[in-house]
Amino acid sequence: LPIPGLAQTGFLTSDSALELERLPGSLTILGGGAVGCEFAQFF
């Protein structure tokens, strides 16, 4: 979605999050559907 500053700031998607080899210290998830909730609990 065209959220101001999102593209410039950079973000993970469900695709790229599955390729992480290091856990971030903190994470904000935009969206509380199935994908957002599953990833939230994993991290």
Full PDB file with SEQRES, HELIX, SHEET, SSBOND, CRYST1, ORIGX, SCALE, CONECT and MASTER records, all heavy atoms in Angstrom:
SEQRES   1 A   43  LEU PRO ILE PRO GLY LEU ALA GLN THR GLY PHE LEU THR          
SEQRES   2 A   43  SER ASP SER ALA LEU GLU LEU GLU ARG LEU PRO GLY SER          
SEQRES   3 A   43  LEU THR ILE LEU GLY GLY GLY ALA VAL GLY CYS GLU PHE          
SEQRES   4 A   43  ALA GLN PHE PHE                                              
HELIX    1 AA1 LEU A    6  THR A    9  1                                   4    
HELIX    2 AA2 SER A   14  ALA A   17  1                                   4    
HELIX    3 AA3 ALA A   34  PHE A   42  1                                   9    
CRYST1    1.000    1.000    1.000  90.00  90.00  90.00 P 1           1          
ORIGX1      1.000000  0.000000  0.000000        0.00000                         
ORIGX2      0.000000  1.000000  0.000000        0.00000                         
ORIGX3      0.000000  0.000000  1.000000        0.00000                         
SCALE1      1.000000  0.000000  0.000000        0.00000                         
SCALE2      0.000000  1.000000  0.000000        0.00000                         
SCALE3      0.000000  0.000000  1.000000        0.00000                         
ATOM      1  N   LEU A   1       0.837  -1.189   0.000  1.00  0.00           N  
ATOM      2  CA  LEU A   1       0.000   0.000   0.000  1.00  0.00           C  
ATOM      3  C   LEU A   1       0.881   1.250   0.000  1.00  0.00           C  
ATOM      4  O   LEU A   1       2.025   1.215   0.474  1.00  0.00           O  
ATOM      5  CB  LEU A   1      -0.905   0.001   1.230  1.00  0.00           C  
ATOM      6  CG  LEU A   1      -1.923  -1.147   1.316  1.00  0.00           C  
ATOM      7  CD1 LEU A   1      -2.699  -1.051   2.631  1.00  0.00           C  
ATOM      8  CD2 LEU A   1      -2.869  -1.119   0.132  1.00  0.00           C  
ATOM      9  N   PRO A   2       0.359   2.368  -0.505  1.00  0.00           N  
ATOM     10  CA  PRO A   2       1.173   3.603  -0.570  1.00  0.00           C  
ATOM     11  C   PRO A   2       1.263   4.322   0.775  1.00  0.00           C  
ATOM     12  O   PRO A   2       0.755   5.430   0.950  1.00  0.00           O  
ATOM     13  CB  PRO A   2       0.411   4.439  -1.606  1.00  0.00           C  
ATOM     14  CG  PRO A   2      -1.016   3.991  -1.473  1.00  0.00           C  
ATOM     15  CD  PRO A   2      -0.953   2.525  -1.162  1.00  0.00           C  
ATOM     16  N   ILE A   3       1.923   3.681   1.736  1.00  0.00           N  
ATOM     17  CA  ILE A   3       2.124   4.295   3.046  1.00  0.00           C  
ATOM     18  C   ILE A   3       3.313   5.253   2.943  1.00  0.00           C  
ATOM     19  O   ILE A   3       4.408   4.838   2.546  1.00  0.00           O  
ATOM     20  CB  ILE A   3       2.402   3.221   4.110  1.00  0.00           C  
ATOM     21  CG1 ILE A   3       1.199   2.278   4.227  1.00  0.00           C  
ATOM     22  CG2 ILE A   3       2.704   3.865   5.457  1.00  0.00           C  
ATOM     23  CD1 ILE A   3       1.443   1.074   5.115  1.00  0.00           C  
ATOM     24  N   PRO A   4       3.132   6.517   3.271  1.00  0.00           N  
ATOM     25  CA  PRO A   4       4.223   7.493   3.137  1.00  0.00           C  
ATOM     26  C   PRO A   4       5.502   7.049   3.853  1.00  0.00           C  
ATOM     27  O   PRO A   4       5.478   6.720   5.034  1.00  0.00           O  
ATOM     28  CB  PRO A   4       3.645   8.761   3.777  1.00  0.00           C  
ATOM     29  CG  PRO A   4       2.161   8.626   3.596  1.00  0.00           C  
ATOM     30  CD  PRO A   4       1.881   7.148   3.748  1.00  0.00           C  
ATOM     31  N   GLY A   5       6.601   7.002   3.115  1.00  0.00           N  
ATOM     32  CA  GLY A   5       7.908   6.682   3.676  1.00  0.00           C  
ATOM     33  C   GLY A   5       8.234   5.215   3.791  1.00  0.00           C  
ATOM     34  O   GLY A   5       9.386   4.857   4.082  1.00  0.00           O  
ATOM     35  N   LEU A   6       7.280   4.338   3.535  1.00  0.00           N  
ATOM     36  CA  LEU A   6       7.531   2.904   3.711  1.00  0.00           C  
ATOM     37  C   LEU A   6       8.578   2.393   2.730  1.00  0.00           C  
ATOM     38  O   LEU A   6       9.538   1.725   3.118  1.00  0.00           O  
ATOM     39  CB  LEU A   6       6.227   2.113   3.555  1.00  0.00           C  
ATOM     40  CG  LEU A   6       6.346   0.585   3.691  1.00  0.00           C  
ATOM     41  CD1 LEU A   6       6.822   0.200   5.088  1.00  0.00           C  
ATOM     42  CD2 LEU A   6       5.015  -0.096   3.376  1.00  0.00           C  
ATOM     43  N   ALA A   7       8.408   2.714   1.468  1.00  0.00           N  
ATOM     44  CA  ALA A   7       9.357   2.227   0.457  1.00  0.00           C  
ATOM     45  C   ALA A   7      10.751   2.787   0.693  1.00  0.00           C  
ATOM     46  O   ALA A   7      11.752   2.078   0.548  1.00  0.00           O  
ATOM     47  CB  ALA A   7       8.856   2.610  -0.935  1.00  0.00           C  
ATOM     48  N   GLN A   8      10.818   4.075   1.068  1.00  0.00           N  
ATOM     49  CA  GLN A   8      12.120   4.707   1.298  1.00  0.00           C  
ATOM     50  C   GLN A   8      12.819   4.152   2.534  1.00  0.00           C  
ATOM     51  O   GLN A   8      14.048   4.021   2.572  1.00  0.00           O  
ATOM     52  CB  GLN A   8      11.939   6.231   1.450  1.00  0.00           C  
ATOM     53  CG  GLN A   8      11.459   6.941   0.207  1.00  0.00           C  
ATOM     54  CD  GLN A   8       9.950   6.819  -0.010  1.00  0.00           C  
ATOM     55  OE1 GLN A   8       9.257   6.182   0.779  1.00  0.00           O  
ATOM     56  NE2 GLN A   8       9.467   7.425  -1.083  1.00  0.00           N  
ATOM     57  N   THR A   9      12.035   3.800   3.551  1.00  0.00           N  
ATOM     58  CA  THR A   9      12.604   3.272   4.795  1.00  0.00           C  
ATOM     59  C   THR A   9      13.043   1.829   4.635  1.00  0.00           C  
ATOM     60  O   THR A   9      14.024   1.389   5.228  1.00  0.00           O  
ATOM     61  CB  THR A   9      11.575   3.390   5.938  1.00  0.00           C  
ATOM     62  OG1 THR A   9      11.167   4.751   6.055  1.00  0.00           O  
ATOM     63  CG2 THR A   9      12.167   2.924   7.252  1.00  0.00           C  
ATOM     64  N   GLY A  10      12.313   1.089   3.822  1.00  0.00           N  
ATOM     65  CA  GLY A  10      12.633  -0.318   3.606  1.00  0.00           C  
ATOM     66  C   GLY A  10      11.874  -1.231   4.551  1.00  0.00           C  
ATOM     67  O   GLY A  10      11.573  -0.852   5.686  1.00  0.00           O  
ATOM     68  N   PHE A  11      11.541  -2.413   4.078  1.00  0.00           N  
ATOM     69  CA  PHE A  11      10.744  -3.326   4.895  1.00  0.00           C  
ATOM     70  C   PHE A  11      10.928  -4.764   4.419  1.00  0.00           C  
ATOM     71  O   PHE A  11      11.335  -5.014   3.283  1.00  0.00           O  
ATOM     72  CB  PHE A  11       9.263  -2.947   4.837  1.00  0.00           C  
ATOM     73  CG  PHE A  11       8.687  -2.936   3.440  1.00  0.00           C  
ATOM     74  CD1 PHE A  11       8.058  -4.054   2.908  1.00  0.00           C  
ATOM     75  CD2 PHE A  11       8.786  -1.804   2.643  1.00  0.00           C  
ATOM     76  CE1 PHE A  11       7.533  -4.043   1.619  1.00  0.00           C  
ATOM     77  CE2 PHE A  11       8.267  -1.779   1.349  1.00  0.00           C  
ATOM     78  CZ  PHE A  11       7.638  -2.904   0.839  1.00  0.00           C  
ATOM     79  N   LEU A  12      10.619  -5.681   5.307  1.00  0.00           N  
ATOM     80  CA  LEU A  12      10.584  -7.097   4.970  1.00  0.00           C  
ATOM     81  C   LEU A  12       9.197  -7.456   4.461  1.00  0.00           C  
ATOM     82  O   LEU A  12       8.214  -6.802   4.805  1.00  0.00           O  
ATOM     83  CB  LEU A  12      10.887  -7.952   6.200  1.00  0.00           C  
ATOM     84  CG  LEU A  12      12.264  -7.834   6.843  1.00  0.00           C  
ATOM     85  CD1 LEU A  12      12.272  -8.560   8.187  1.00  0.00           C  
ATOM     86  CD2 LEU A  12      13.337  -8.400   5.924  1.00  0.00           C  
ATOM     87  N   THR A  13       9.102  -8.505   3.667  1.00  0.00           N  
ATOM     88  CA  THR A  13       7.828  -9.100   3.293  1.00  0.00           C  
ATOM     89  C   THR A  13       7.826 -10.536   3.788  1.00  0.00           C  
ATOM     90  O   THR A  13       8.837 -11.037   4.306  1.00  0.00           O  
ATOM     91  CB  THR A  13       7.632  -9.086   1.768  1.00  0.00           C  
ATOM     92  OG1 THR A  13       8.605  -9.963   1.169  1.00  0.00           O  
ATOM     93  CG2 THR A  13       7.788  -7.676   1.203  1.00  0.00           C  
ATOM     94  N   SER A  14       6.714 -11.217   3.609  1.00  0.00           N  
ATOM     95  CA  SER A  14       6.675 -12.631   4.000  1.00  0.00           C  
ATOM     96  C   SER A  14       7.688 -13.433   3.200  1.00  0.00           C  
ATOM     97  O   SER A  14       8.196 -14.463   3.682  1.00  0.00           O  
ATOM     98  CB  SER A  14       5.268 -13.195   3.795  1.00  0.00           C  
ATOM     99  OG  SER A  14       4.848 -13.029   2.453  1.00  0.00           O  
ATOM    100  N   ASP A  15       8.014 -12.984   1.981  1.00  0.00           N  
ATOM    101  CA  ASP A  15       9.026 -13.660   1.165  1.00  0.00           C  
ATOM    102  C   ASP A  15      10.423 -13.483   1.751  1.00  0.00           C  
ATOM    103  O   ASP A  15      11.146 -14.451   2.004  1.00  0.00           O  
ATOM    104  CB  ASP A  15       9.002 -13.128  -0.267  1.00  0.00           C  
ATOM    105  CG  ASP A  15       7.737 -13.518  -1.024  1.00  0.00           C  
ATOM    106  OD1 ASP A  15       6.940 -14.309  -0.482  1.00  0.00           O  
ATOM    107  OD2 ASP A  15       7.554 -13.029  -2.147  1.00  0.00           O  
ATOM    108  N   SER A  16      10.813 -12.227   1.968  1.00  0.00           N  
ATOM    109  CA  SER A  16      12.179 -11.952   2.429  1.00  0.00           C  
ATOM    110  C   SER A  16      12.396 -12.352   3.884  1.00  0.00           C  
ATOM    111  O   SER A  16      13.506 -12.722   4.277  1.00  0.00           O  
ATOM    112  CB  SER A  16      12.525 -10.478   2.233  1.00  0.00           C  
ATOM    113  OG  SER A  16      11.600  -9.628   2.901  1.00  0.00           O  
ATOM    114  N   ALA A  17      11.333 -12.309   4.697  1.00  0.00           N  
ATOM    115  CA  ALA A  17      11.479 -12.705   6.105  1.00  0.00           C  
ATOM    116  C   ALA A  17      11.859 -14.176   6.225  1.00  0.00           C  
ATOM    117  O   ALA A  17      12.554 -14.577   7.165  1.00  0.00           O  
ATOM    118  CB  ALA A  17      10.182 -12.435   6.862  1.00  0.00           C  
ATOM    119  N   LEU A  18      11.430 -14.955   5.249  1.00  0.00           N  
ATOM    120  CA  LEU A  18      11.739 -16.388   5.270  1.00  0.00           C  
ATOM    121  C   LEU A  18      13.192 -16.683   4.904  1.00  0.00           C  
ATOM    122  O   LEU A  18      13.631 -17.822   5.002  1.00  0.00           O  
ATOM    123  CB  LEU A  18      10.816 -17.140   4.315  1.00  0.00           C  
ATOM    124  CG  LEU A  18       9.354 -17.275   4.770  1.00  0.00           C  
ATOM    125  CD1 LEU A  18       8.495 -17.799   3.633  1.00  0.00           C  
ATOM    126  CD2 LEU A  18       9.248 -18.191   5.990  1.00  0.00           C  
ATOM    127  N   GLU A  19      13.916 -15.663   4.471  1.00  0.00           N  
ATOM    128  CA  GLU A  19      15.323 -15.852   4.106  1.00  0.00           C  
ATOM    129  C   GLU A  19      16.282 -15.257   5.128  1.00  0.00           C  
ATOM    130  O   GLU A  19      17.494 -15.301   4.941  1.00  0.00           O  
ATOM    131  CB  GLU A  19      15.585 -15.228   2.723  1.00  0.00           C  
ATOM    132  CG  GLU A  19      14.769 -15.843   1.594  1.00  0.00           C  
ATOM    133  CD  GLU A  19      14.984 -17.342   1.470  1.00  0.00           C  
ATOM    134  OE1 GLU A  19      16.128 -17.795   1.665  1.00  0.00           O  
ATOM    135  OE2 GLU A  19      14.005 -18.059   1.186  1.00  0.00           O  
ATOM    136  N   LEU A  20      15.775 -14.706   6.221  1.00  0.00           N  
ATOM    137  CA  LEU A  20      16.633 -14.096   7.230  1.00  0.00           C  
ATOM    138  C   LEU A  20      17.549 -15.125   7.881  1.00  0.00           C  
ATOM    139  O   LEU A  20      17.127 -16.233   8.201  1.00  0.00           O  
ATOM    140  CB  LEU A  20      15.788 -13.429   8.319  1.00  0.00           C  
ATOM    141  CG  LEU A  20      15.051 -12.141   7.955  1.00  0.00           C  
ATOM    142  CD1 LEU A  20      14.209 -11.676   9.142  1.00  0.00           C  
ATOM    143  CD2 LEU A  20      16.032 -11.047   7.548  1.00  0.00           C  
ATOM    144  N   GLU A  21      18.787 -14.742   8.069  1.00  0.00           N  
ATOM    145  CA  GLU A  21      19.742 -15.611   8.760  1.00  0.00           C  
ATOM    146  C   GLU A  21      20.138 -15.037  10.119  1.00  0.00           C  
ATOM    147  O   GLU A  21      20.932 -15.624  10.845  1.00  0.00           O  
ATOM    148  CB  GLU A  21      20.979 -15.814   7.879  1.00  0.00           C  
ATOM    149  CG  GLU A  21      20.654 -16.559   6.584  1.00  0.00           C  
ATOM    150  CD  GLU A  21      21.880 -16.813   5.734  1.00  0.00           C  
ATOM    151  OE1 GLU A  21      22.931 -16.180   6.005  1.00  0.00           O  
ATOM    152  OE2 GLU A  21      21.798 -17.646   4.800  1.00  0.00           O  
ATOM    153  N   ARG A  22      19.569 -13.872  10.428  1.00  0.00           N  
ATOM    154  CA  ARG A  22      19.795 -13.242  11.733  1.00  0.00           C  
ATOM    155  C   ARG A  22      18.486 -12.652  12.222  1.00  0.00           C  
ATOM    156  O   ARG A  22      17.764 -12.007  11.463  1.00  0.00           O  
ATOM    157  CB  ARG A  22      20.844 -12.124  11.606  1.00  0.00           C  
ATOM    158  CG  ARG A  22      21.217 -11.472  12.935  1.00  0.00           C  
ATOM    159  CD  ARG A  22      22.051 -10.219  12.714  1.00  0.00           C  
ATOM    160  NE  ARG A  22      21.280  -9.140  12.102  1.00  0.00           N  
ATOM    161  CZ  ARG A  22      20.515  -8.283  12.798  1.00  0.00           C  
ATOM    162  NH1 ARG A  22      20.400  -8.417  14.114  1.00  0.00           N  
ATOM    163  NH2 ARG A  22      19.877  -7.323  12.177  1.00  0.00           N  
ATOM    164  N   LEU A  23      18.183 -12.879  13.488  1.00  0.00           N  
ATOM    165  CA  LEU A  23      16.960 -12.316  14.053  1.00  0.00           C  
ATOM    166  C   LEU A  23      17.145 -10.839  14.338  1.00  0.00           C  
ATOM    167  O   LEU A  23      18.146 -10.442  14.951  1.00  0.00           O  
ATOM    168  CB  LEU A  23      16.604 -13.026  15.362  1.00  0.00           C  
ATOM    169  CG  LEU A  23      15.961 -14.403  15.282  1.00  0.00           C  
ATOM    170  CD1 LEU A  23      15.857 -14.991  16.684  1.00  0.00           C  
ATOM    171  CD2 LEU A  23      14.590 -14.315  14.649  1.00  0.00           C  
ATOM    172  N   PRO A  24      16.192 -10.000  13.926  1.00  0.00           N  
ATOM    173  CA  PRO A  24      16.273  -8.599  14.339  1.00  0.00           C  
ATOM    174  C   PRO A  24      16.001  -8.491  15.833  1.00  0.00           C  
ATOM    175  O   PRO A  24      15.302  -9.328  16.411  1.00  0.00           O  
ATOM    176  CB  PRO A  24      15.161  -7.935  13.511  1.00  0.00           C  
ATOM    177  CG  PRO A  24      14.202  -9.035  13.201  1.00  0.00           C  
ATOM    178  CD  PRO A  24      15.039 -10.278  13.075  1.00  0.00           C  
ATOM    179  N   GLY A  25      16.539  -7.460  16.460  1.00  0.00           N  
ATOM    180  CA  GLY A  25      16.300  -7.283  17.890  1.00  0.00           C  
ATOM    181  C   GLY A  25      14.870  -6.899  18.189  1.00  0.00           C  
ATOM    182  O   GLY A  25      14.332  -7.228  19.252  1.00  0.00           O  
ATOM    183  N   SER A  26      14.252  -6.179  17.249  1.00  0.00           N  
ATOM    184  CA  SER A  26      12.865  -5.757  17.417  1.00  0.00           C  
ATOM    185  C   SER A  26      12.210  -5.686  16.047  1.00  0.00           C  
ATOM    186  O   SER A  26      12.870  -5.465  15.034  1.00  0.00           O  
ATOM    187  CB  SER A  26      12.786  -4.400  18.122  1.00  0.00           C  
ATOM    188  OG  SER A  26      13.589  -3.433  17.457  1.00  0.00           O  
ATOM    189  N   LEU A  27      10.899  -5.874  16.029  1.00  0.00           N  
ATOM    190  CA  LEU A  27      10.185  -5.970  14.765  1.00  0.00           C  
ATOM    191  C   LEU A  27       8.784  -5.398  14.907  1.00  0.00           C  
ATOM    192  O   LEU A  27       8.073  -5.709  15.865  1.00  0.00           O  
ATOM    193  CB  LEU A  27      10.097  -7.434  14.332  1.00  0.00           C  
ATOM    194  CG  LEU A  27       9.317  -7.761  13.056  1.00  0.00           C  
ATOM    195  CD1 LEU A  27      10.064  -7.249  11.828  1.00  0.00           C  
ATOM    196  CD2 LEU A  27       9.083  -9.278  12.945  1.00  0.00           C  
ATOM    197  N   THR A  28       8.395  -4.559  13.946  1.00  0.00           N  
ATOM    198  CA  THR A  28       7.019  -4.076  13.861  1.00  0.00           C  
ATOM    199  C   THR A  28       6.364  -4.740  12.665  1.00  0.00           C  
ATOM    200  O   THR A  28       6.890  -4.678  11.550  1.00  0.00           O  
ATOM    201  CB  THR A  28       6.960  -2.552  13.686  1.00  0.00           C  
ATOM    202  OG1 THR A  28       7.615  -1.920  14.795  1.00  0.00           O  
ATOM    203  CG2 THR A  28       5.519  -2.069  13.606  1.00  0.00           C  
ATOM    204  N   ILE A  29       5.224  -5.370  12.896  1.00  0.00           N  
ATOM    205  CA  ILE A  29       4.508  -6.053  11.821  1.00  0.00           C  
ATOM    206  C   ILE A  29       3.282  -5.243  11.450  1.00  0.00           C  
ATOM    207  O   ILE A  29       2.434  -4.952  12.300  1.00  0.00           O  
ATOM    208  CB  ILE A  29       4.105  -7.476  12.240  1.00  0.00           C  
ATOM    209  CG1 ILE A  29       5.370  -8.303  12.515  1.00  0.00           C  
ATOM    210  CG2 ILE A  29       3.250  -8.137  11.167  1.00  0.00           C  
ATOM    211  CD1 ILE A  29       5.092  -9.728  12.934  1.00  0.00           C  
ATOM    212  N   LEU A  30       3.189  -4.877  10.184  1.00  0.00           N  
ATOM    213  CA  LEU A  30       2.030  -4.152   9.682  1.00  0.00           C  
ATOM    214  C   LEU A  30       1.030  -5.177   9.156  1.00  0.00           C  
ATOM    215  O   LEU A  30       1.239  -5.781   8.110  1.00  0.00           O  
ATOM    216  CB  LEU A  30       2.448  -3.183   8.571  1.00  0.00           C  
ATOM    217  CG  LEU A  30       3.565  -2.185   8.912  1.00  0.00           C  
ATOM    218  CD1 LEU A  30       3.818  -1.245   7.738  1.00  0.00           C  
ATOM    219  CD2 LEU A  30       3.219  -1.385  10.166  1.00  0.00           C  
ATOM    220  N   GLY A  31      -0.033  -5.382   9.903  1.00  0.00           N  
ATOM    221  CA  GLY A  31      -1.045  -6.350   9.500  1.00  0.00           C  
ATOM    222  C   GLY A  31      -1.242  -7.430  10.530  1.00  0.00           C  
ATOM    223  O   GLY A  31      -0.268  -8.011  11.022  1.00  0.00           O  
ATOM    224  N   GLY A  32      -2.509  -7.711  10.861  1.00  0.00           N  
ATOM    225  CA  GLY A  32      -2.822  -8.720  11.865  1.00  0.00           C  
ATOM    226  C   GLY A  32      -3.654  -9.857  11.321  1.00  0.00           C  
ATOM    227  O   GLY A  32      -4.480 -10.428  12.037  1.00  0.00           O  
ATOM    228  N   GLY A  33      -3.421 -10.195  10.053  1.00  0.00           N  
ATOM    229  CA  GLY A  33      -4.075 -11.369   9.482  1.00  0.00           C  
ATOM    230  C   GLY A  33      -3.277 -12.614   9.804  1.00  0.00           C  
ATOM    231  O   GLY A  33      -2.407 -12.615  10.684  1.00  0.00           O  
ATOM    232  N   ALA A  34      -3.549 -13.690   9.068  1.00  0.00           N  
ATOM    233  CA  ALA A  34      -2.883 -14.967   9.340  1.00  0.00           C  
ATOM    234  C   ALA A  34      -1.366 -14.847   9.233  1.00  0.00           C  
ATOM    235  O   ALA A  34      -0.631 -15.298  10.121  1.00  0.00           O  
ATOM    236  CB  ALA A  34      -3.403 -16.025   8.373  1.00  0.00           C  
ATOM    237  N   VAL A  35      -0.875 -14.229   8.157  1.00  0.00           N  
ATOM    238  CA  VAL A  35       0.570 -14.125   7.944  1.00  0.00           C  
ATOM    239  C   VAL A  35       1.214 -13.279   9.037  1.00  0.00           C  
ATOM    240  O   VAL A  35       2.233 -13.659   9.637  1.00  0.00           O  
ATOM    241  CB  VAL A  35       0.865 -13.530   6.554  1.00  0.00           C  
ATOM    242  CG1 VAL A  35       2.355 -13.226   6.408  1.00  0.00           C  
ATOM    243  CG2 VAL A  35       0.415 -14.482   5.461  1.00  0.00           C  
ATOM    244  N   GLY A  36       0.625 -12.122   9.337  1.00  0.00           N  
ATOM    245  CA  GLY A  36       1.182 -11.246  10.356  1.00  0.00           C  
ATOM    246  C   GLY A  36       1.231 -11.901  11.721  1.00  0.00           C  
ATOM    247  O   GLY A  36       2.231 -11.795  12.441  1.00  0.00           O  
ATOM    248  N   CYS A  37       0.157 -12.594  12.089  1.00  0.00           N  
ATOM    249  CA  CYS A  37       0.093 -13.230  13.408  1.00  0.00           C  
ATOM    250  C   CYS A  37       1.074 -14.390  13.522  1.00  0.00           C  
ATOM    251  O   CYS A  37       1.728 -14.562  14.553  1.00  0.00           O  
ATOM    252  CB  CYS A  37      -1.325 -13.697  13.688  1.00  0.00           C  
ATOM    253  SG  CYS A  37      -2.481 -12.353  14.049  1.00  0.00           S  
ATOM    254  N   GLU A  38       1.183 -15.206  12.480  1.00  0.00           N  
ATOM    255  CA  GLU A  38       2.110 -16.338  12.531  1.00  0.00           C  
ATOM    256  C   GLU A  38       3.553 -15.856  12.649  1.00  0.00           C  
ATOM    257  O   GLU A  38       4.327 -16.379  13.461  1.00  0.00           O  
ATOM    258  CB  GLU A  38       1.933 -17.210  11.296  1.00  0.00           C  
ATOM    259  CG  GLU A  38       0.632 -18.005  11.290  1.00  0.00           C  
ATOM    260  CD  GLU A  38       0.446 -18.858  10.051  1.00  0.00           C  
ATOM    261  OE1 GLU A  38       1.317 -18.821   9.154  1.00  0.00           O  
ATOM    262  OE2 GLU A  38      -0.566 -19.564   9.962  1.00  0.00           O  
ATOM    263  N   PHE A  39       3.919 -14.865  11.851  1.00  0.00           N  
ATOM    264  CA  PHE A  39       5.280 -14.340  11.930  1.00  0.00           C  
ATOM    265  C   PHE A  39       5.536 -13.650  13.265  1.00  0.00           C  
ATOM    266  O   PHE A  39       6.640 -13.733  13.818  1.00  0.00           O  
ATOM    267  CB  PHE A  39       5.551 -13.368  10.782  1.00  0.00           C  
ATOM    268  CG  PHE A  39       6.097 -14.027   9.540  1.00  0.00           C  
ATOM    269  CD1 PHE A  39       5.324 -14.122   8.396  1.00  0.00           C  
ATOM    270  CD2 PHE A  39       7.375 -14.542   9.514  1.00  0.00           C  
ATOM    271  CE1 PHE A  39       5.822 -14.725   7.249  1.00  0.00           C  
ATOM    272  CE2 PHE A  39       7.886 -15.150   8.378  1.00  0.00           C  
ATOM    273  CZ  PHE A  39       7.103 -15.242   7.240  1.00  0.00           C  
ATOM    274  N   ALA A  40       4.535 -12.957  13.794  1.00  0.00           N  
ATOM    275  CA  ALA A  40       4.707 -12.253  15.067  1.00  0.00           C  
ATOM    276  C   ALA A  40       5.101 -13.218  16.170  1.00  0.00           C  
ATOM    277  O   ALA A  40       6.042 -12.974  16.932  1.00  0.00           O  
ATOM    278  CB  ALA A  40       3.412 -11.522  15.436  1.00  0.00           C  
ATOM    279  N   GLN A  41       4.404 -14.340  16.245  1.00  0.00           N  
ATOM    280  CA  GLN A  41       4.706 -15.287  17.307  1.00  0.00           C  
ATOM    281  C   GLN A  41       6.035 -16.006  17.073  1.00  0.00           C  
ATOM    282  O   GLN A  41       6.779 -16.276  18.019  1.00  0.00           O  
ATOM    283  CB  GLN A  41       3.569 -16.299  17.430  1.00  0.00           C  
ATOM    284  CG  GLN A  41       3.550 -17.006  18.773  1.00  0.00           C  
ATOM    285  CD  GLN A  41       2.261 -17.744  18.990  1.00  0.00           C  
ATOM    286  OE1 GLN A  41       1.754 -18.427  18.098  1.00  0.00           O  
ATOM    287  NE2 GLN A  41       1.701 -17.629  20.187  1.00  0.00           N  
ATOM    288  N   PHE A  42       6.346 -16.281  15.817  1.00  0.00           N  
ATOM    289  CA  PHE A  42       7.635 -16.909  15.514  1.00  0.00           C  
ATOM    290  C   PHE A  42       8.782 -16.041  16.010  1.00  0.00           C  
ATOM    291  O   PHE A  42       9.663 -16.501  16.752  1.00  0.00           O  
ATOM    292  CB  PHE A  42       7.774 -17.135  14.011  1.00  0.00           C  
ATOM    293  CG  PHE A  42       9.186 -17.454  13.584  1.00  0.00           C  
ATOM    294  CD1 PHE A  42       9.728 -18.711  13.802  1.00  0.00           C  
ATOM    295  CD2 PHE A  42       9.991 -16.485  12.989  1.00  0.00           C  
ATOM    296  CE1 PHE A  42      11.036 -18.998  13.436  1.00  0.00           C  
ATOM    297  CE2 PHE A  42      11.295 -16.769  12.610  1.00  0.00           C  
ATOM    298  CZ  PHE A  42      11.822 -18.030  12.838  1.00  0.00           C  
ATOM    299  N   PHE A  43       8.796 -14.790  15.610  1.00  0.00           N  
ATOM    300  CA  PHE A  43       9.899 -13.900  15.997  1.00  0.00           C  
ATOM    301  C   PHE A  43       9.906 -13.638  17.503  1.00  0.00           C  
ATOM    302  O   PHE A  43      10.962 -13.635  18.134  1.00  0.00           O  
ATOM    303  CB  PHE A  43       9.802 -12.584  15.230  1.00  0.00           C  
ATOM    304  CG  PHE A  43      10.287 -12.674  13.810  1.00  0.00           C  
ATOM    305  CD1 PHE A  43       9.384 -12.661  12.748  1.00  0.00           C  
ATOM    306  CD2 PHE A  43      11.637 -12.773  13.530  1.00  0.00           C  
ATOM    307  CE1 PHE A  43       9.833 -12.754  11.438  1.00  0.00           C  
ATOM    308  CE2 PHE A  43      12.099 -12.860  12.232  1.00  0.00           C  
ATOM    309  CZ  PHE A  43      11.194 -12.857  11.179  1.00  0.00           C  
TER     310      PHE A  43                                                      
MASTER        0    0    0    3    0    0    0    6  309    1    0    4          
END                                                                             
